[in-house]
Amino acid sequence: MQAPPRWLRGLLLAPGLLALAVTFLLPLVWLGRISVLPRSGDGVTLPGFTLQAYQHVLGDSFYWWVLWKTVWLGLLTACLAVPMAFPIALFLARSTTRWRGVLAALAIAPLLTSTVIRTYGWMVILGRHGMINDMLLWSGMLAMPVRLDNGTLATVIALTEILMPYAIISILSNLGRLDTEIEQAAALLGATPVQVFRRVILPLVLPGLMTAALLVFVLAVSSLVTPQLMGGGRVFVLATEIFNETTLTLNWQVAGALSILLLLLFGGVISVYQRILQRMEERF
């Protein structure tokens, strides 16, 4: 089959590239530009060039702590969401029932609900007078309500549940390379179920698990609504700090610098992911 001419391929790519340039590249260039503009003492942006915002961010230990908190929150969410999503995705991929489509729809149905609504739902569940505290008080396990909301624990729980459907979709799309005949062959050769999982299933699905972990990590790191609501002002991540700088202190220079640093963080994580994935493919 003859390949289409270059001009046709370029014409087909033009709408997507134009949308990417308008919605991503232009705002990114604008943020990069505003992050290097001088700022007067009363907050007025002045013409010129300065790295004062970057010096302020990189020289403040608070922002380093926020960066570490952001990375830690993303890693913890990914480490919780992916192992819980994998059995569900594996069950859906192996299911032969006629209800398979319905079960798959139910697994990703939470994506049809707004993140704000789901976060408020977790606020109700984890609140001092929420469902969990009421059940523990009713059973006699607690004498008084405990604080489960407004903190890192509540944020991690909510992010894990909110981002699990993304992990399920990502893992499910990568389970096509998992052939049951290979598992049967390993079992016939004397491999135990644990060995089949460790030596056959895991190496085949590990790239999909890593892709799901990367997706969950990026979404968790860039999440604003859930840390803002579930954290109760006690959880500081880069997204919340960017929001505060643009809406409360109106320091767009610092907000731009934080946005560029967050983008560099994404780039670094994706680069590490690609190197690890390449080494895994060479090994297996």
Protein backbone atom coordinates (compact mmCIF):
# COMPACT_ATOMS: atom_id res chain seq x y z
CA MET A 1 0.00 0.00 0.00
CA GLN A 2 1.43 3.37 -1.03
CA ALA A 3 2.05 5.82 1.77
CA PRO A 4 0.11 9.09 1.59
CA PRO A 5 2.06 12.15 0.42
CA ARG A 6 3.73 14.37 2.98
CA TRP A 7 1.47 17.33 2.30
CA LEU A 8 -1.58 15.19 3.08
CA ARG A 9 -0.06 13.97 6.33
CA GLY A 10 0.82 17.51 7.26
CA LEU A 11 -2.70 18.66 6.42
CA LEU A 12 -4.19 15.95 8.66
CA LEU A 13 -1.86 16.89 11.52
CA ALA A 14 -2.45 20.64 11.17
CA PRO A 15 -5.69 20.92 13.26
CA GLY A 16 -4.24 18.94 16.15
CA LEU A 17 -0.95 20.85 16.07
CA LEU A 18 -2.80 24.16 15.93
CA ALA A 19 -4.96 23.21 18.91
CA LEU A 20 -1.84 22.09 20.82
CA ALA A 21 -0.08 25.34 20.05
CA VAL A 22 -3.04 27.49 21.14
CA THR A 23 -3.94 25.55 24.29
CA PHE A 24 -0.47 24.50 25.49
CA LEU A 25 2.49 26.17 23.81
CA LEU A 26 1.21 29.75 23.85
CA PRO A 27 0.18 29.67 27.56
CA LEU A 28 3.52 28.05 28.36
CA VAL A 29 5.45 30.76 26.51
CA TRP A 30 3.34 33.41 28.25
CA LEU A 31 4.08 31.91 31.67
CA GLY A 32 7.78 31.68 30.85
CA ARG A 33 7.81 35.30 29.73
CA ILE A 34 5.97 36.64 32.76
CA SER A 35 8.21 34.67 35.14
CA VAL A 36 11.25 36.72 34.03
CA LEU A 37 9.61 40.15 34.16
CA PRO A 38 10.62 42.50 37.00
CA ARG A 39 8.09 43.30 39.71
CA SER A 40 7.97 46.51 41.72
CA GLY A 41 7.45 46.66 45.45
CA ASP A 42 3.73 47.38 45.08
CA GLY A 43 3.24 44.39 42.75
CA VAL A 44 3.27 46.18 39.40
CA THR A 45 4.87 44.24 36.54
CA LEU A 46 7.65 46.18 34.84
CA PRO A 47 9.33 45.72 31.46
CA GLY A 48 12.73 44.10 31.43
CA PHE A 49 14.33 40.79 32.32
CA THR A 50 15.17 39.30 35.70
CA LEU A 51 15.51 35.90 37.36
CA GLN A 52 14.32 37.23 40.69
CA ALA A 53 11.29 34.92 40.79
CA TYR A 54 13.45 31.84 40.23
CA GLN A 55 15.95 33.01 42.82
CA HIS A 56 13.10 33.54 45.26
CA VAL A 57 11.66 30.06 44.63
CA LEU A 58 14.94 28.16 44.59
CA GLY A 59 16.30 30.06 47.58
CA ASP A 60 13.29 29.44 49.81
CA SER A 61 13.31 26.15 51.74
CA PHE A 62 9.51 26.22 51.88
CA TYR A 63 9.23 25.70 48.13
CA TRP A 64 11.73 22.83 48.29
CA TRP A 65 9.56 21.26 50.96
CA VAL A 66 6.48 21.80 48.77
CA LEU A 67 8.30 20.15 45.86
CA TRP A 68 9.18 17.14 47.99
CA LYS A 69 5.61 16.98 49.32
CA THR A 70 4.27 17.06 45.77
CA VAL A 71 6.54 14.27 44.55
CA TRP A 72 5.87 12.17 47.66
CA LEU A 73 2.11 12.60 47.30
CA GLY A 74 2.24 11.58 43.65
CA LEU A 75 4.42 8.53 44.32
CA LEU A 76 2.26 7.38 47.23
CA THR A 77 -0.93 7.75 45.19
CA ALA A 78 0.59 5.80 42.29
CA CYS A 79 1.86 3.05 44.61
CA LEU A 80 -1.65 2.65 46.03
CA ALA A 81 -3.79 3.09 42.92
CA VAL A 82 -1.89 0.81 40.52
CA PRO A 83 -1.79 -2.35 42.73
CA MET A 84 -5.51 -1.96 43.45
CA ALA A 85 -6.35 -1.32 39.80
CA PHE A 86 -4.35 -4.27 38.44
CA PRO A 87 -6.61 -7.09 39.78
CA ILE A 88 -9.67 -5.28 38.46
CA ALA A 89 -8.12 -4.81 35.02
CA LEU A 90 -6.91 -8.42 34.96
CA PHE A 91 -10.38 -9.67 35.92
CA LEU A 92 -11.99 -7.59 33.19
CA ALA A 93 -9.46 -8.82 30.62
CA ARG A 94 -9.98 -12.49 31.58
CA SER A 95 -13.73 -12.30 32.06
CA THR A 96 -15.81 -14.27 29.57
CA THR A 97 -19.23 -13.39 30.93
CA ARG A 98 -21.70 -11.51 28.78
CA TRP A 99 -21.70 -8.79 31.43
CA ARG A 100 -18.08 -7.96 30.73
CA GLY A 101 -18.97 -4.72 28.98
CA VAL A 102 -21.21 -3.67 31.84
CA LEU A 103 -18.49 -4.46 34.39
CA ALA A 104 -15.93 -2.47 32.40
CA ALA A 105 -18.35 0.45 32.21
CA LEU A 106 -18.90 0.30 35.96
CA ALA A 107 -15.14 0.28 36.59
CA ILE A 108 -14.68 3.55 34.72
CA ALA A 109 -18.09 5.04 35.55
CA PRO A 110 -16.62 7.35 38.25
CA LEU A 111 -14.99 9.32 35.44
CA LEU A 112 -18.45 10.46 34.43
CA THR A 113 -18.76 12.29 37.75
CA SER A 114 -17.04 15.60 38.42
CA THR A 115 -13.87 15.50 40.49
CA VAL A 116 -15.33 18.20 42.71
CA ILE A 117 -18.41 16.10 43.49
CA ARG A 118 -16.33 13.01 44.23
CA THR A 119 -14.05 15.03 46.48
CA TYR A 120 -17.02 16.42 48.37
CA GLY A 121 -18.26 12.85 48.71
CA TRP A 122 -15.01 11.88 50.43
CA MET A 123 -15.33 14.93 52.67
CA VAL A 124 -18.69 13.56 53.80
CA ILE A 125 -17.32 10.05 54.30
CA LEU A 126 -14.15 11.06 56.18
CA GLY A 127 -15.58 13.99 58.16
CA ARG A 128 -15.77 14.06 61.95
CA HIS A 129 -19.46 13.24 61.67
CA GLY A 130 -19.10 11.22 58.49
CA MET A 131 -19.95 7.63 57.69
CA ILE A 132 -16.70 6.08 58.94
CA ASN A 133 -16.73 7.88 62.28
CA ASP A 134 -20.42 7.12 62.75
CA MET A 135 -19.83 3.42 62.09
CA LEU A 136 -16.87 3.26 64.46
CA LEU A 137 -18.81 5.09 67.17
CA TRP A 138 -21.84 2.85 66.68
CA SER A 139 -19.71 -0.31 66.92
CA GLY A 140 -18.06 0.91 70.11
CA MET A 141 -14.55 0.94 68.65
CA LEU A 142 -14.28 4.68 69.29
CA ALA A 143 -15.45 6.80 72.16
CA MET A 144 -15.26 10.04 70.22
CA PRO A 145 -14.79 10.98 66.56
CA VAL A 146 -11.28 11.08 65.12
CA ARG A 147 -10.02 13.51 62.51
CA LEU A 148 -9.71 11.74 59.19
CA ASP A 149 -10.27 14.72 56.92
CA ASN A 150 -8.33 17.92 56.36
CA GLY A 151 -4.92 16.33 56.00
CA THR A 152 -2.54 14.27 53.90
CA LEU A 153 -4.31 10.99 54.70
CA ALA A 154 -7.63 12.21 53.37
CA THR A 155 -5.95 13.68 50.29
CA VAL A 156 -4.18 10.41 49.46
CA ILE A 157 -7.37 8.38 49.96
CA ALA A 158 -9.40 10.68 47.72
CA LEU A 159 -6.73 10.90 45.02
CA THR A 160 -6.30 7.13 44.97
CA GLU A 161 -10.00 6.53 44.42
CA ILE A 162 -10.36 9.37 41.92
CA LEU A 163 -7.39 8.26 39.79
CA MET A 164 -7.96 4.49 39.94
CA PRO A 165 -10.18 4.44 36.81
CA TYR A 166 -7.33 5.99 34.80
CA ALA A 167 -5.02 3.24 36.03
CA ILE A 168 -7.60 0.57 35.15
CA ILE A 169 -7.96 1.90 31.60
CA SER A 170 -4.19 2.14 31.13
CA ILE A 171 -3.52 -1.37 32.43
CA LEU A 172 -6.44 -2.87 30.53
CA SER A 173 -5.16 -1.46 27.26
CA ASN A 174 -1.77 -3.14 27.85
CA LEU A 175 -3.07 -6.58 28.81
CA GLY A 176 -3.45 -7.61 25.17
CA ARG A 177 0.13 -8.87 25.16
CA LEU A 178 -0.69 -11.29 27.99
CA ASP A 179 -1.38 -14.67 26.36
CA THR A 180 -2.93 -17.36 28.55
CA GLU A 181 -1.23 -20.07 26.48
CA ILE A 182 2.16 -18.90 27.76
CA GLU A 183 0.92 -19.29 31.33
CA GLN A 184 -0.42 -22.76 30.56
CA ALA A 185 2.91 -23.74 29.03
CA ALA A 186 4.76 -22.56 32.11
CA ALA A 187 2.38 -24.51 34.34
CA LEU A 188 2.87 -27.66 32.25
CA LEU A 189 6.62 -27.30 32.70
CA GLY A 190 6.16 -27.42 36.46
CA ALA A 191 5.95 -23.76 37.42
CA THR A 192 3.89 -22.96 40.49
CA PRO A 193 1.21 -20.23 40.34
CA VAL A 194 3.57 -17.89 42.17
CA GLN A 195 6.36 -18.59 39.69
CA VAL A 196 3.97 -18.13 36.76
CA PHE A 197 2.97 -14.75 38.11
CA ARG A 198 6.54 -13.68 38.91
CA ARG A 199 8.30 -15.05 35.83
CA VAL A 200 5.60 -14.82 33.15
CA ILE A 201 2.72 -12.50 33.99
CA LEU A 202 4.64 -9.73 35.78
CA PRO A 203 7.34 -9.19 33.10
CA LEU A 204 4.66 -8.99 30.41
CA VAL A 205 2.40 -6.55 32.23
CA LEU A 206 5.13 -4.50 33.91
CA PRO A 207 5.33 -1.90 31.08
CA GLY A 208 1.58 -1.39 31.38
CA LEU A 209 1.83 -1.05 35.15
CA MET A 210 4.59 1.53 34.76
CA THR A 211 2.53 3.47 32.22
CA ALA A 212 -0.42 3.47 34.62
CA ALA A 213 1.84 4.57 37.47
CA LEU A 214 3.22 7.41 35.35
CA LEU A 215 -0.29 8.54 34.41
CA VAL A 216 -1.50 8.46 38.02
CA PHE A 217 1.63 10.25 39.21
CA VAL A 218 1.29 13.08 36.69
CA LEU A 219 -2.42 13.52 37.44
CA ALA A 220 -1.83 13.46 41.20
CA VAL A 221 1.05 15.93 41.04
CA SER A 222 -0.97 18.36 38.93
CA SER A 223 -4.18 17.94 40.97
CA LEU A 224 -5.56 21.10 42.55
CA VAL A 225 -9.17 20.52 43.61
CA THR A 226 -8.61 17.43 45.77
CA PRO A 227 -5.59 18.72 47.77
CA GLN A 228 -7.33 22.07 48.18
CA LEU A 229 -10.57 20.60 49.52
CA MET A 230 -9.37 17.47 51.31
CA GLY A 231 -6.26 19.13 52.69
CA GLY A 232 -8.20 21.81 54.51
CA GLY A 233 -5.35 24.27 54.00
CA ARG A 234 -2.84 21.84 55.53
CA VAL A 235 -1.63 20.15 52.34
CA PHE A 236 0.75 22.25 50.26
CA VAL A 237 1.64 21.08 46.75
CA LEU A 238 2.88 22.93 43.71
CA ALA A 239 -0.59 23.20 42.19
CA THR A 240 -2.08 24.80 45.30
CA GLU A 241 0.85 27.20 45.60
CA ILE A 242 0.49 28.26 41.96
CA PHE A 243 -3.21 28.81 42.57
CA ASN A 244 -2.52 30.88 45.71
CA GLU A 245 0.12 32.99 43.98
CA THR A 246 -2.22 33.83 41.11
CA THR A 247 -5.40 34.47 43.13
CA LEU A 248 -4.33 35.59 46.62
CA THR A 249 -0.93 37.27 46.45
CA LEU A 250 -1.26 38.11 42.70
CA ASN A 251 2.43 37.33 42.23
CA TRP A 252 2.34 36.05 38.68
CA GLN A 253 6.14 35.99 38.44
CA VAL A 254 6.45 33.39 41.21
CA ALA A 255 3.45 31.51 39.82
CA GLY A 256 5.12 31.37 36.42
CA ALA A 257 8.39 30.17 37.93
CA LEU A 258 6.56 27.44 39.87
CA SER A 259 4.71 26.41 36.71
CA ILE A 260 7.97 26.09 34.78
CA LEU A 261 9.49 24.04 37.62
CA LEU A 262 6.42 21.78 37.65
CA LEU A 263 6.80 21.28 33.90
CA LEU A 264 10.50 20.45 34.36
CA LEU A 265 9.48 17.94 37.02
CA PHE A 266 7.15 16.27 34.53
CA GLY A 267 9.90 16.20 31.94
CA GLY A 268 12.38 14.65 34.37
CA VAL A 269 9.94 11.97 35.48
CA ILE A 270 9.02 11.07 31.89
CA SER A 271 12.71 10.88 30.96
CA VAL A 272 13.44 8.51 33.85
CA TYR A 273 10.38 6.45 32.92
CA GLN A 274 11.53 6.08 29.32
CA ARG A 275 15.02 4.97 30.38
CA ILE A 276 13.67 2.41 32.82
CA LEU A 277 11.21 1.11 30.24
CA GLN A 278 13.95 0.82 27.62
CA ARG A 279 16.16 -1.17 29.98
CA MET A 280 13.28 -3.44 30.88
CA GLU A 281 12.53 -4.15 27.22
CA GLU A 282 16.21 -4.95 26.61
CA ARG A 283 16.25 -7.26 29.63
CA PHE A 284 13.05 -9.15 28.87
